[in-house]
Amino acid sequence: METRAVAWLAARRHLIDPAGAATDRVLFARKALIETAFLVGLRARLDPEPLEHDYAALLTQIEEITARPSYRELIARDEAALLLYAGTYAALRLCGREDPEFRHVITQAAAGGYATVFERIPYRQLDLLHTLELCGVRHTLPEMDDVLPFTLLCNGPNVAKLTDRDIYAITHTIFYATDFGLREPRWPRDFDAGAAVELLEALLVLTLGQENADLVGELLCCLLCLGVRDSQEARRAWKFLAAVQEADGRVNGPPGVVHPELADGDDAYEHWATGYHTTIVAALAALLDRSPRVVRRHRPPAPKPHLSVEEPLRQAVVWLADATRRHDPVTYLPAAAAVAHAAEALGEPELARPLLLEFSGRLADVDADVWQGHGMEVVGEFAFGLRTHALTCTSLDAFLKSTAAAVELLEDVPPQAACNAQRLVDLGLLSPGCAAALGDERVDAPYSAPTTAAATLPHAWKNYRLGHIAALVRDWSRTGRAQHRITRDAIAFLLAQQSPCGAFGRPACDDPATRERTMLSWTQSIITALAAVHTTCGPVPAARQPCP
């Protein structure tokens, strides 16, 4: 991977020369120059062997560019961009190509009372400190370890809320703090290395799902910088990067890397501009993996959080049961079924009794089409609730009996219908022979995979799609992943949306009817999810298993 990636970069090294770039591409070329230079510098630092041909060709190109006054003297004219130039000097220095004049210009700018002291966000401050360290330039700034407590990484971020920009802040914090795997930082007192690894792996799940090779590569580099090699998500990341690397070594970057106007119809330039950074990241990951100098250590123990949703779930069930009684039972039957299901999961079926008693009477004479329209999942849960309290509903009983009779006539039960057929078995409405015919399709078989993709979580959070987040929590919990960092952070977000009354969601509207209708929908979805969490984090009743 590394050899092919560097060969591709070397073959296009003329594109990192700002002097040869069109006016609107100069800044992009300068950025590509420093990033390419840093890869070469790290290669010299992490591998004691002489540079391979393509690395040497890149170094020669970098030397030629930085030797020009038109490049190096820009430092004095644009001190805010110090790092764009200091990084290339640092790379030359790592390669043993000391340049006293270049160093002098950088030192003057660093001591000029602006370039190193204007306001920077924490990880950018770490970038500055790391670069000055590699340049060997003295300063009086706070040490890198003093900046770490203010970073996103060290403050327990919720993975559901992290943007791509946030993830880059986390990856670069690790790069600089660990000096790319060569240093053990003095982490803040409450920093949990196991939680940091868990965070990186959770982000790998999201970015692999999004097929974002750039972030996948950077997160993989971070695990290597922390010394972690024993990681299932890292193995998936390697497999993914190997699959997306093109035959010539290029690795394509995510959409939006280059503004369409920058390429201006130049396909060759766009091909390079959209792939150079991700190709560098892939090469860096392979370099870190093979370097004898990068730290290797045992995987830190994973956090063991105590996950309990019992009280929020109880409050929500009480609110939803009360609110639903005021509405049309035909329309709000799914809410009643959710209340019955969640109350049973809590081991407190009496919470649902008043609602079930009222709805069973009001629905006694409805047509079969009402039950048919809601589907067996909703109808089955409602029926289970009634059975728990020895309640009857004439129209429901007739519908279930006719449905069971129809299933009895089938030669076999389609796999997609097995769960619903099993509900009829559990209700005692299907014969033992039909139950046996279900065979391996019984719903107590393990779930194979979550049906709601974790990669969609950040988008759902951004757009306040509580129902979608609840579906993810439900699906991941049912597949045994309730304790996964992604699930836990999604749960934490949902619980933060609960009002003191027990309802979930902030509709951000003023009409009372709209507010209640929206909160009813959200709370219905969320109590189903929390019931799955509560069930999987405790004993699961043998007679009842959750159906998807």
Protein backbone atom coordinates (compact mmCIF):
# COMPACT_ATOMS: atom_id res chain seq x y z
CA MET A 1 0.00 0.00 0.00
CA GLU A 2 2.69 2.51 1.01
CA THR A 3 4.94 1.82 -1.98
CA ARG A 4 2.16 2.27 -4.52
CA ALA A 5 0.76 5.34 -2.78
CA VAL A 6 4.14 7.10 -2.69
CA ALA A 7 4.81 6.18 -6.32
CA TRP A 8 1.53 7.83 -7.32
CA LEU A 9 2.38 10.97 -5.33
CA ALA A 10 5.91 11.14 -6.76
CA ALA A 11 4.63 10.87 -10.33
CA ARG A 12 2.55 14.00 -9.75
CA ARG A 13 4.97 15.94 -7.58
CA HIS A 14 4.96 18.95 -9.90
CA LEU A 15 1.42 19.70 -8.68
CA ILE A 16 2.64 20.56 -5.16
CA ASP A 17 4.72 23.47 -6.51
CA PRO A 18 2.90 26.76 -5.77
CA ALA A 19 4.98 28.53 -8.42
CA GLY A 20 3.47 26.37 -11.13
CA ALA A 21 -0.11 26.63 -9.89
CA ALA A 22 -2.83 28.87 -11.26
CA THR A 23 -3.60 31.85 -9.03
CA ASP A 24 -6.71 30.28 -7.51
CA ARG A 25 -4.84 27.02 -6.86
CA VAL A 26 -1.77 28.44 -5.10
CA LEU A 27 -3.07 28.03 -1.53
CA PHE A 28 -4.17 24.46 -2.29
CA ALA A 29 -0.69 23.69 -3.67
CA ARG A 30 0.97 25.10 -0.52
CA LYS A 31 -1.23 22.87 1.64
CA ALA A 32 -0.40 19.83 -0.50
CA LEU A 33 3.29 20.74 -0.32
CA ILE A 34 3.46 20.76 3.48
CA GLU A 35 1.44 17.56 3.79
CA THR A 36 3.62 15.77 1.26
CA ALA A 37 6.75 17.13 2.92
CA PHE A 38 5.58 15.93 6.30
CA LEU A 39 5.05 12.41 4.98
CA VAL A 40 8.61 12.40 3.65
CA GLY A 41 9.94 13.77 6.95
CA LEU A 42 8.09 11.09 8.93
CA ARG A 43 9.43 8.42 6.61
CA ALA A 44 12.98 9.56 7.41
CA ARG A 45 12.19 9.67 11.11
CA LEU A 46 10.31 6.39 11.46
CA ASP A 47 12.53 4.21 9.29
CA PRO A 48 16.33 4.28 9.70
CA GLU A 49 16.90 2.97 6.16
CA PRO A 50 17.76 5.38 3.29
CA LEU A 51 14.81 6.87 1.41
CA GLU A 52 13.40 4.82 -1.42
CA HIS A 53 13.47 6.27 -4.92
CA ASP A 54 10.02 7.84 -4.88
CA TYR A 55 10.46 9.33 -1.41
CA ALA A 56 13.82 10.75 -2.57
CA ALA A 57 12.18 12.25 -5.65
CA LEU A 58 9.60 13.98 -3.47
CA LEU A 59 12.32 15.29 -1.16
CA THR A 60 14.25 16.74 -4.09
CA GLN A 61 11.10 18.52 -5.30
CA ILE A 62 10.46 19.92 -1.81
CA GLU A 63 14.05 21.18 -1.54
CA GLU A 64 13.83 22.94 -4.88
CA ILE A 65 10.59 24.70 -3.93
CA THR A 66 11.69 25.80 -0.45
CA ALA A 67 15.03 27.12 -1.69
CA ARG A 68 13.29 29.91 -3.61
CA PRO A 69 13.06 33.35 -1.97
CA SER A 70 9.61 33.63 -3.53
CA TYR A 71 8.51 30.83 -1.22
CA ARG A 72 10.43 31.19 2.03
CA GLU A 73 10.21 34.97 2.26
CA LEU A 74 6.43 34.81 2.27
CA ILE A 75 6.73 33.83 5.93
CA ALA A 76 7.66 37.41 6.81
CA ARG A 77 4.74 38.75 4.76
CA ASP A 78 2.08 36.34 6.05
CA GLU A 79 2.88 35.42 9.64
CA ALA A 80 -0.57 33.93 10.22
CA ALA A 81 0.40 31.16 7.77
CA LEU A 82 3.62 30.32 9.61
CA LEU A 83 2.75 26.61 9.86
CA LEU A 84 2.45 26.27 6.08
CA TYR A 85 6.15 27.09 5.81
CA ALA A 86 7.51 25.83 9.12
CA GLY A 87 6.16 22.38 8.37
CA THR A 88 8.21 22.10 5.20
CA TYR A 89 11.34 23.22 7.06
CA ALA A 90 10.64 20.66 9.78
CA ALA A 91 10.40 17.95 7.13
CA LEU A 92 13.73 18.97 5.59
CA ARG A 93 15.31 18.97 9.03
CA LEU A 94 13.99 15.47 9.75
CA CYS A 95 15.60 14.34 6.51
CA GLY A 96 18.94 15.82 7.55
CA ARG A 97 18.68 18.74 5.11
CA GLU A 98 19.32 21.64 7.46
CA ASP A 99 18.79 25.07 5.88
CA PRO A 100 20.11 27.86 8.16
CA GLU A 101 18.58 30.70 6.13
CA PHE A 102 15.15 29.07 6.06
CA ARG A 103 15.42 28.45 9.78
CA HIS A 104 16.35 32.07 10.44
CA VAL A 105 13.26 33.41 8.68
CA ILE A 106 11.04 31.00 10.63
CA THR A 107 12.68 31.89 13.95
CA GLN A 108 12.18 35.60 13.32
CA ALA A 109 8.50 35.11 12.49
CA ALA A 110 7.95 32.90 15.54
CA ALA A 111 9.45 35.59 17.81
CA GLY A 112 7.57 38.44 16.15
CA GLY A 113 4.71 38.66 18.65
CA TYR A 114 1.94 37.41 16.40
CA ALA A 115 2.55 34.19 14.44
CA THR A 116 2.69 32.00 17.56
CA VAL A 117 0.36 33.93 19.85
CA PHE A 118 -2.84 34.70 17.95
CA GLU A 119 -5.88 32.76 19.10
CA ARG A 120 -6.02 29.13 18.02
CA ILE A 121 -8.40 26.31 18.91
CA PRO A 122 -6.70 23.64 21.06
CA TYR A 123 -5.71 21.12 18.40
CA ARG A 124 -4.34 23.90 16.21
CA GLN A 125 -2.28 25.04 19.18
CA LEU A 126 -0.95 21.49 19.45
CA ASP A 127 -0.09 21.65 15.75
CA LEU A 128 1.92 24.82 16.38
CA LEU A 129 3.76 23.37 19.38
CA HIS A 130 4.54 20.13 17.58
CA THR A 131 5.84 21.95 14.51
CA LEU A 132 8.04 24.29 16.54
CA GLU A 133 9.43 21.26 18.37
CA LEU A 134 10.34 19.53 15.13
CA CYS A 135 11.86 22.76 13.85
CA GLY A 136 13.93 23.10 16.99
CA VAL A 137 12.64 26.65 17.50
CA ARG A 138 12.50 27.82 21.10
CA HIS A 139 9.40 29.48 22.50
CA THR A 140 7.76 30.45 25.78
CA LEU A 141 4.33 29.01 25.01
CA PRO A 142 2.53 26.56 27.34
CA GLU A 143 3.64 22.96 26.91
CA MET A 144 1.67 20.56 24.78
CA ASP A 145 0.52 18.58 27.80
CA ASP A 146 -0.98 21.76 29.26
CA VAL A 147 -3.18 22.19 26.19
CA LEU A 148 -4.56 18.64 26.15
CA PRO A 149 -7.25 19.18 28.85
CA PHE A 150 -8.99 21.65 26.55
CA THR A 151 -9.21 19.36 23.53
CA LEU A 152 -12.29 17.61 22.26
CA LEU A 153 -10.57 14.23 22.66
CA CYS A 154 -10.05 14.69 26.40
CA ASN A 155 -13.60 15.80 27.18
CA GLY A 156 -15.70 12.73 26.41
CA PRO A 157 -17.47 13.78 23.20
CA ASN A 158 -20.70 12.12 22.12
CA VAL A 159 -19.99 10.25 18.88
CA ALA A 160 -23.49 10.96 17.57
CA LYS A 161 -22.74 14.68 17.47
CA LEU A 162 -19.29 14.69 15.89
CA THR A 163 -18.89 16.27 12.46
CA ASP A 164 -16.09 15.43 10.07
CA ARG A 165 -14.32 18.58 11.27
CA ASP A 166 -14.59 17.35 14.86
CA ILE A 167 -13.16 13.96 13.95
CA TYR A 168 -10.19 15.63 12.27
CA ALA A 169 -9.66 17.63 15.48
CA ILE A 170 -9.54 14.36 17.43
CA THR A 171 -7.18 12.58 15.03
CA HIS A 172 -4.76 15.49 14.85
CA THR A 173 -4.77 15.87 18.63
CA ILE A 174 -3.51 12.29 18.86
CA PHE A 175 -0.94 12.81 16.09
CA TYR A 176 0.65 15.80 17.79
CA ALA A 177 0.28 14.69 21.40
CA THR A 178 1.91 11.31 20.71
CA ASP A 179 4.41 12.72 18.18
CA PHE A 180 3.06 10.13 15.75
CA GLY A 181 3.55 7.24 18.14
CA LEU A 182 6.99 8.24 19.42
CA ARG A 183 5.99 9.84 22.71
CA GLU A 184 3.78 9.05 25.68
CA PRO A 185 1.85 12.23 26.50
CA ARG A 186 1.11 13.38 30.01
CA TRP A 187 -2.61 12.97 29.65
CA PRO A 188 -5.05 14.81 31.93
CA ARG A 189 -5.65 13.08 35.25
CA ASP A 190 -9.11 11.80 34.33
CA PHE A 191 -8.13 10.69 30.82
CA ASP A 192 -9.15 7.07 30.12
CA ALA A 193 -7.01 5.43 27.44
CA GLY A 194 -9.54 2.62 27.07
CA ALA A 195 -12.32 5.14 26.45
CA ALA A 196 -10.15 6.91 23.86
CA VAL A 197 -9.60 3.66 21.97
CA GLU A 198 -13.31 2.91 22.25
CA LEU A 199 -14.06 6.36 20.79
CA LEU A 200 -11.70 5.82 17.86
CA GLU A 201 -13.22 2.42 17.11
CA ALA A 202 -16.75 3.82 17.31
CA LEU A 203 -15.76 6.53 14.85
CA LEU A 204 -14.28 3.86 12.60
CA VAL A 205 -17.66 2.12 12.56
CA LEU A 206 -19.31 5.37 11.45
CA THR A 207 -16.71 6.34 8.86
CA LEU A 208 -16.43 2.84 7.43
CA GLY A 209 -20.20 2.89 7.01
CA GLN A 210 -19.87 6.21 5.21
CA GLU A 211 -16.98 4.82 3.12
CA ASN A 212 -14.89 7.88 3.98
CA ALA A 213 -11.38 6.60 3.29
CA ASP A 214 -9.75 9.81 4.50
CA LEU A 215 -11.18 9.61 8.01
CA VAL A 216 -10.86 5.82 8.12
CA GLY A 217 -7.15 6.21 7.36
CA GLU A 218 -6.62 8.93 9.96
CA LEU A 219 -8.46 6.97 12.67
CA LEU A 220 -6.41 3.89 11.84
CA CYS A 221 -3.25 6.01 12.19
CA CYS A 222 -4.46 7.13 15.62
CA LEU A 223 -4.84 3.58 16.88
CA LEU A 224 -1.31 2.90 15.70
CA CYS A 225 -0.02 6.07 17.39
CA LEU A 226 -1.56 4.83 20.65
CA GLY A 227 0.16 1.47 20.17
CA VAL A 228 -3.06 -0.48 19.57
CA ARG A 229 -2.76 -3.32 17.07
CA ASP A 230 -5.34 -5.73 18.46
CA SER A 231 -8.49 -4.14 17.08
CA GLN A 232 -11.29 -5.68 15.06
CA GLU A 233 -12.25 -2.29 13.66
CA ALA A 234 -8.63 -1.64 12.65
CA ARG A 235 -8.63 -4.92 10.73
CA ARG A 236 -11.80 -3.84 8.97
CA ALA A 237 -10.17 -0.50 8.20
CA TRP A 238 -7.11 -2.15 6.62
CA LYS A 239 -9.34 -4.36 4.50
CA PHE A 240 -11.36 -1.34 3.39
CA LEU A 241 -8.31 0.75 2.47
CA ALA A 242 -6.81 -2.13 0.53
CA ALA A 243 -10.07 -2.52 -1.38
CA VAL A 244 -10.41 1.17 -2.30
CA GLN A 245 -6.78 1.77 -3.29
CA GLU A 246 -6.61 2.00 -7.05
CA ALA A 247 -4.16 0.01 -9.15
CA ASP A 248 -1.79 2.97 -9.54
CA GLY A 249 -1.73 3.62 -5.77
CA ARG A 250 -4.24 6.47 -5.54
CA VAL A 251 -6.89 6.46 -2.81
CA ASN A 252 -9.91 8.61 -3.55
CA GLY A 253 -10.98 11.22 -1.01
CA PRO A 254 -14.50 12.00 0.22
CA PRO A 255 -16.91 14.21 -1.75
CA GLY A 256 -16.46 17.95 -1.40
CA VAL A 257 -12.67 17.92 -1.01
CA VAL A 258 -12.24 20.22 -3.99
CA HIS A 259 -14.64 22.95 -5.02
CA PRO A 260 -15.80 22.30 -8.61
CA GLU A 261 -14.62 25.76 -9.68
CA LEU A 262 -11.08 24.96 -8.56
CA ALA A 263 -10.77 22.09 -11.02
CA ASP A 264 -12.45 24.15 -13.75
CA GLY A 265 -12.88 21.18 -16.04
CA ASP A 266 -9.29 19.96 -15.65
CA ASP A 267 -9.87 16.25 -15.09
CA ALA A 268 -6.22 15.40 -14.43
CA TYR A 269 -5.93 18.12 -11.79
CA GLU A 270 -9.21 17.12 -10.16
CA HIS A 271 -8.08 13.49 -10.10
CA TRP A 272 -4.95 14.52 -8.20
CA ALA A 273 -6.61 17.11 -5.94
CA THR A 274 -9.38 14.78 -4.79
CA GLY A 275 -7.00 11.94 -3.99
CA TYR A 276 -3.63 13.27 -2.87
CA HIS A 277 -4.48 13.77 0.83
CA THR A 278 -6.18 10.40 1.29
CA THR A 279 -3.31 8.73 -0.55
CA ILE A 280 -0.88 10.40 1.89
CA VAL A 281 -2.97 9.15 4.83
CA ALA A 282 -2.97 5.59 3.49
CA ALA A 283 0.81 5.71 3.04
CA LEU A 284 1.23 7.11 6.56
CA ALA A 285 -0.88 4.33 8.07
CA ALA A 286 1.27 1.70 6.37
CA LEU A 287 4.45 3.52 7.47
CA LEU A 288 3.32 3.69 11.09
CA ASP A 289 2.35 0.03 10.99
CA ARG A 290 5.78 -1.13 9.83
CA SER A 291 7.96 1.33 11.76
CA PRO A 292 10.13 -0.26 14.46
CA ARG A 293 10.11 3.05 16.35
CA VAL A 294 6.37 3.47 16.82
CA VAL A 295 5.12 2.42 20.24
CA ARG A 296 3.46 -0.96 20.70
CA ARG A 297 1.54 -1.73 23.85
CA HIS A 298 -1.22 -3.94 25.21
CA ARG A 299 -4.70 -2.77 24.45
CA PRO A 300 -6.02 -0.72 27.41
CA PRO A 301 -9.04 -2.18 29.21
CA ALA A 302 -12.38 -1.05 27.83
CA PRO A 303 -14.70 1.03 30.01
CA LYS A 304 -17.38 -0.87 31.89
CA PRO A 305 -20.20 1.63 32.22
CA HIS A 306 -23.36 0.89 34.15
CA LEU A 307 -26.22 1.26 31.70
CA SER A 308 -29.66 1.76 33.26
CA VAL A 309 -32.70 3.27 31.58
CA GLU A 310 -35.28 1.98 34.04
CA GLU A 311 -36.46 5.25 35.57
CA PRO A 312 -36.61 7.29 32.32
CA LEU A 313 -38.46 4.39 30.70
CA ARG A 314 -40.97 4.19 33.56
CA GLN A 315 -41.64 7.95 33.41
CA ALA A 316 -42.16 7.79 29.66
CA VAL A 317 -44.54 4.82 29.90
CA VAL A 318 -46.66 6.61 32.49
CA TRP A 319 -46.86 9.78 30.37
CA LEU A 320 -47.58 7.95 27.11
CA ALA A 321 -50.26 5.76 28.69
CA ASP A 322 -52.04 8.79 30.09
CA ALA A 323 -51.72 10.91 26.95
CA THR A 324 -52.81 8.12 24.62
CA ARG A 325 -56.10 7.54 26.49
CA ARG A 326 -57.26 10.99 25.30
CA HIS A 327 -56.99 10.02 21.65
CA ASP A 328 -58.69 7.82 19.05
CA PRO A 329 -57.76 4.17 19.71
CA VAL A 330 -57.81 3.30 16.02
CA THR A 331 -55.11 5.87 15.28
CA TYR A 332 -53.12 5.40 18.48
CA LEU A 333 -53.17 1.62 18.71
CA PRO A 334 -49.37 1.52 18.06
CA ALA A 335 -48.84 3.77 21.08
CA ALA A 336 -50.93 1.48 23.24
CA ALA A 337 -48.98 -1.54 22.00
CA ALA A 338 -45.70 0.24 22.80
CA VAL A 339 -46.95 1.01 26.31
CA ALA A 340 -47.92 -2.62 26.86
CA HIS A 341 -44.57 -3.86 25.56
CA ALA A 342 -42.50 -1.40 27.62
CA ALA A 343 -44.53 -2.00 30.79
CA GLU A 344 -43.92 -5.72 30.47
CA ALA A 345 -40.20 -5.12 29.85
CA LEU A 346 -40.11 -3.15 33.09
CA GLY A 347 -41.84 -5.98 34.92
CA GLU A 348 -44.65 -3.55 35.77
CA PRO A 349 -47.55 -4.52 33.46
CA GLU A 350 -50.00 -2.67 35.70
CA LEU A 351 -48.72 0.61 34.21
CA ALA A 352 -50.52 -0.30 30.99
CA ARG A 353 -53.74 -1.70 32.44
CA PRO A 354 -55.94 1.46 32.45
CA LEU A 355 -55.06 2.20 28.83
CA LEU A 356 -55.56 -1.39 27.69
CA LEU A 357 -58.87 -1.66 29.52
CA GLU A 358 -60.20 1.48 27.87
CA PHE A 359 -58.94 0.69 24.37
CA SER A 360 -60.18 -2.92 24.47
CA GLY A 361 -63.70 -1.63 25.05
CA ARG A 362 -63.55 1.15 22.46
CA LEU A 363 -62.16 -1.24 19.82
CA ALA A 364 -64.53 -4.13 20.52
CA ASP A 365 -66.66 -3.64 17.41
CA VAL A 366 -64.17 -2.31 14.82
CA ASP A 367 -63.78 -3.98 11.44
CA ALA A 368 -61.02 -6.48 10.77
CA ASP A 369 -59.44 -3.94 8.39
CA VAL A 370 -58.41 -1.86 11.41
CA TRP A 371 -56.31 -4.68 12.82
CA GLN A 372 -55.04 -5.69 9.41
CA GLY A 373 -53.92 -2.13 8.72
CA HIS A 374 -51.73 -1.96 11.81
CA GLY A 375 -49.87 -5.19 11.14
CA MET A 376 -49.10 -8.16 13.33
CA GLU A 377 -46.27 -6.55 15.29
CA VAL A 378 -48.55 -3.87 16.74
CA VAL A 379 -51.60 -6.13 17.03
CA GLY A 380 -49.59 -8.90 18.62
CA GLU A 381 -48.13 -6.63 21.30
CA PHE A 382 -51.57 -5.23 22.05
CA ALA A 383 -52.95 -8.76 22.30
CA PHE A 384 -50.16 -9.83 24.64
CA GLY A 385 -50.96 -6.85 26.83
CA LEU A 386 -54.62 -7.78 27.00
CA ARG A 387 -53.76 -11.40 27.78
CA THR A 388 -51.51 -10.31 30.66
CA HIS A 389 -54.48 -8.58 32.30
CA ALA A 390 -57.09 -11.21 31.29
CA LEU A 391 -58.85 -8.64 29.13
CA THR A 392 -60.74 -9.45 25.96
CA CYS A 393 -61.61 -7.55 22.79
CA THR A 394 -64.24 -9.22 20.62
CA SER A 395 -63.11 -7.88 17.24
CA LEU A 396 -59.44 -8.56 17.99
CA ASP A 397 -60.12 -12.13 19.07
CA ALA A 398 -62.03 -12.77 15.85
CA PHE A 399 -59.24 -11.24 13.73
CA LEU A 400 -56.53 -13.29 15.40
CA LYS A 401 -58.46 -16.52 15.08
CA SER A 402 -59.12 -15.98 11.38
CA THR A 403 -55.46 -15.06 10.83
CA ALA A 404 -54.31 -18.18 12.63
CA ALA A 405 -56.68 -20.30 10.59
CA ALA A 406 -55.23 -18.85 7.38
CA VAL A 407 -51.66 -19.60 8.51
CA GLU A 408 -52.65 -23.18 9.40
CA LEU A 409 -53.52 -23.71 5.72
CA LEU A 410 -50.06 -22.70 4.51
CA GLU A 411 -47.58 -25.42 3.56
CA ASP A 412 -44.71 -23.38 5.02
CA VAL A 413 -44.18 -19.98 6.60
CA PRO A 414 -42.04 -17.51 4.59
CA PRO A 415 -38.96 -16.40 6.56
CA GLN A 416 -40.10 -12.77 6.56
CA ALA A 417 -43.37 -13.82 8.21
CA ALA A 418 -41.88 -16.18 10.79
CA CYS A 419 -41.76 -13.62 13.57
CA ASN A 420 -45.40 -12.70 13.17
CA ALA A 421 -46.40 -16.35 12.95
CA GLN A 422 -44.47 -16.99 16.13
CA ARG A 423 -46.57 -14.34 17.85
CA LEU A 424 -49.63 -16.42 17.03
CA VAL A 425 -47.90 -19.51 18.41
CA ASP A 426 -47.04 -17.71 21.65
CA LEU A 427 -50.63 -16.52 21.92
CA GLY A 428 -51.75 -20.13 21.72
CA LEU A 429 -53.56 -19.62 18.42
CA LEU A 430 -51.47 -21.91 16.20
CA SER A 431 -51.26 -25.71 16.50
CA PRO A 432 -48.10 -27.44 17.73
CA GLY A 433 -47.65 -28.88 14.23
CA CYS A 434 -47.52 -25.44 12.69
CA ALA A 435 -45.14 -24.31 15.43
CA ALA A 436 -42.81 -27.20 14.59
CA ALA A 437 -42.95 -26.24 10.91
CA LEU A 438 -41.38 -22.91 11.78
CA GLY A 439 -38.14 -24.75 12.54
CA ASP A 440 -35.05 -22.55 12.48
CA GLU A 441 -37.08 -19.45 11.68
CA ARG A 442 -38.26 -19.09 15.26
CA VAL A 443 -37.80 -15.59 16.56
CA ASP A 444 -35.68 -16.70 19.48
CA ALA A 445 -32.84 -17.23 17.00
CA PRO A 446 -30.10 -14.60 17.41
CA TYR A 447 -30.36 -11.46 15.33
CA SER A 448 -27.69 -11.47 12.64
CA ALA A 449 -27.02 -7.75 12.27
CA PRO A 450 -28.47 -4.37 13.12
CA THR A 451 -30.99 -3.20 10.53
CA THR A 452 -30.43 0.50 11.18
CA ALA A 453 -27.01 1.62 9.95
CA ALA A 454 -24.86 3.43 12.50
CA ALA A 455 -23.39 5.56 9.71
CA THR A 456 -26.65 7.48 9.54
CA LEU A 457 -26.49 8.51 13.21
CA PRO A 458 -24.72 11.89 12.82
CA HIS A 459 -27.16 12.96 10.10
CA ALA A 460 -30.10 11.89 12.25
CA TRP A 461 -28.73 13.89 15.19
CA LYS A 462 -28.14 16.96 13.05
CA ASN A 463 -31.71 16.85 11.74
CA TYR A 464 -33.26 15.90 15.12
CA ARG A 465 -34.70 12.65 13.81
CA LEU A 466 -35.44 11.10 17.18
CA GLY A 467 -37.42 8.23 15.66
CA HIS A 468 -34.45 7.21 13.52
CA ILE A 469 -32.07 7.36 16.48
CA ALA A 470 -34.50 5.31 18.54
CA ALA A 471 -34.62 2.69 15.77
CA LEU A 472 -30.84 2.45 15.84
CA VAL A 473 -30.82 1.99 19.61
CA ARG A 474 -33.55 -0.65 19.35
CA ASP A 475 -31.85 -2.60 16.57
CA TRP A 476 -28.36 -2.47 18.08
CA SER A 477 -29.68 -3.48 21.49
CA ARG A 478 -31.53 -6.45 20.05
CA THR A 479 -28.30 -7.65 18.43
CA GLY A 480 -26.43 -7.57 21.72
CA ARG A 481 -24.76 -4.19 21.21
CA ALA A 482 -26.51 -2.13 23.86
CA GLN A 483 -23.16 -1.50 25.56
CA HIS A 484 -21.43 -0.37 22.36
CA ARG A 485 -20.13 3.21 22.50
CA ILE A 486 -22.35 4.22 19.58
CA THR A 487 -25.48 2.83 21.24
CA ARG A 488 -24.62 4.33 24.62
CA ASP A 489 -24.01 7.77 23.17
CA ALA A 490 -27.23 7.57 21.15
CA ILE A 491 -29.09 6.63 24.35
CA ALA A 492 -27.46 9.52 26.22
CA PHE A 493 -28.68 11.92 23.55
CA LEU A 494 -32.22 10.53 23.67
CA LEU A 495 -32.39 10.68 27.46
CA ALA A 496 -31.32 14.34 27.31
CA GLN A 497 -34.48 15.02 25.28
CA GLN A 498 -36.85 13.88 28.06
CA SER A 499 -39.01 16.45 29.80
CA PRO A 500 -39.82 16.26 33.53
CA CYS A 501 -43.31 15.04 32.60
CA GLY A 502 -41.76 11.95 30.96
CA ALA A 503 -42.37 12.84 27.30
CA PHE A 504 -39.52 12.86 24.81
CA GLY A 505 -38.57 15.53 22.31
CA ARG A 506 -38.49 19.29 21.82
CA PRO A 507 -40.92 20.07 18.96
CA ALA A 508 -39.88 23.76 18.86
CA CYS A 509 -43.41 24.83 17.96
CA ASP A 510 -46.17 26.65 19.86
CA ASP A 511 -49.39 24.89 18.81
CA PRO A 512 -50.41 22.61 21.74
CA ALA A 513 -52.02 19.95 19.53
CA THR A 514 -48.99 19.73 17.25
CA ARG A 515 -46.67 19.59 20.22
CA GLU A 516 -48.51 16.71 21.87
CA ARG A 517 -48.92 14.78 18.62
CA THR A 518 -45.20 15.08 17.89
CA MET A 519 -44.15 14.11 21.39
CA LEU A 520 -46.53 11.14 21.35
CA SER A 521 -44.82 9.86 18.20
CA TRP A 522 -41.30 10.38 19.53
CA THR A 523 -42.07 8.91 22.94
CA GLN A 524 -43.66 5.85 21.38
CA SER A 525 -40.51 5.19 19.35
CA ILE A 526 -38.15 5.86 22.22
CA ILE A 527 -39.86 3.68 24.83
CA THR A 528 -39.69 0.78 22.39
CA ALA A 529 -35.95 1.41 22.06
CA LEU A 530 -35.42 1.80 25.79
CA ALA A 531 -37.42 -1.36 26.43
CA ALA A 532 -34.98 -3.23 24.18
CA VAL A 533 -32.07 -1.74 26.13
CA HIS A 534 -33.64 -2.63 29.46
CA THR A 535 -34.43 -6.16 28.32
CA THR A 536 -30.99 -6.91 26.88
CA CYS A 537 -29.20 -5.49 29.90
CA GLY A 538 -31.16 -7.80 32.19
CA PRO A 539 -32.80 -11.22 32.05
CA VAL A 540 -34.99 -11.82 29.00
CA PRO A 541 -38.28 -13.60 29.76
CA ALA A 542 -38.22 -17.05 28.17
CA ALA A 543 -41.75 -16.84 26.81
CA ARG A 544 -41.30 -13.53 25.06
CA GLN A 545 -38.48 -12.45 22.76
CA PRO A 546 -38.38 -9.09 20.94
CA CYS A 547 -39.29 -9.26 17.27
CA PRO A 548 -37.81 -6.85 14.74
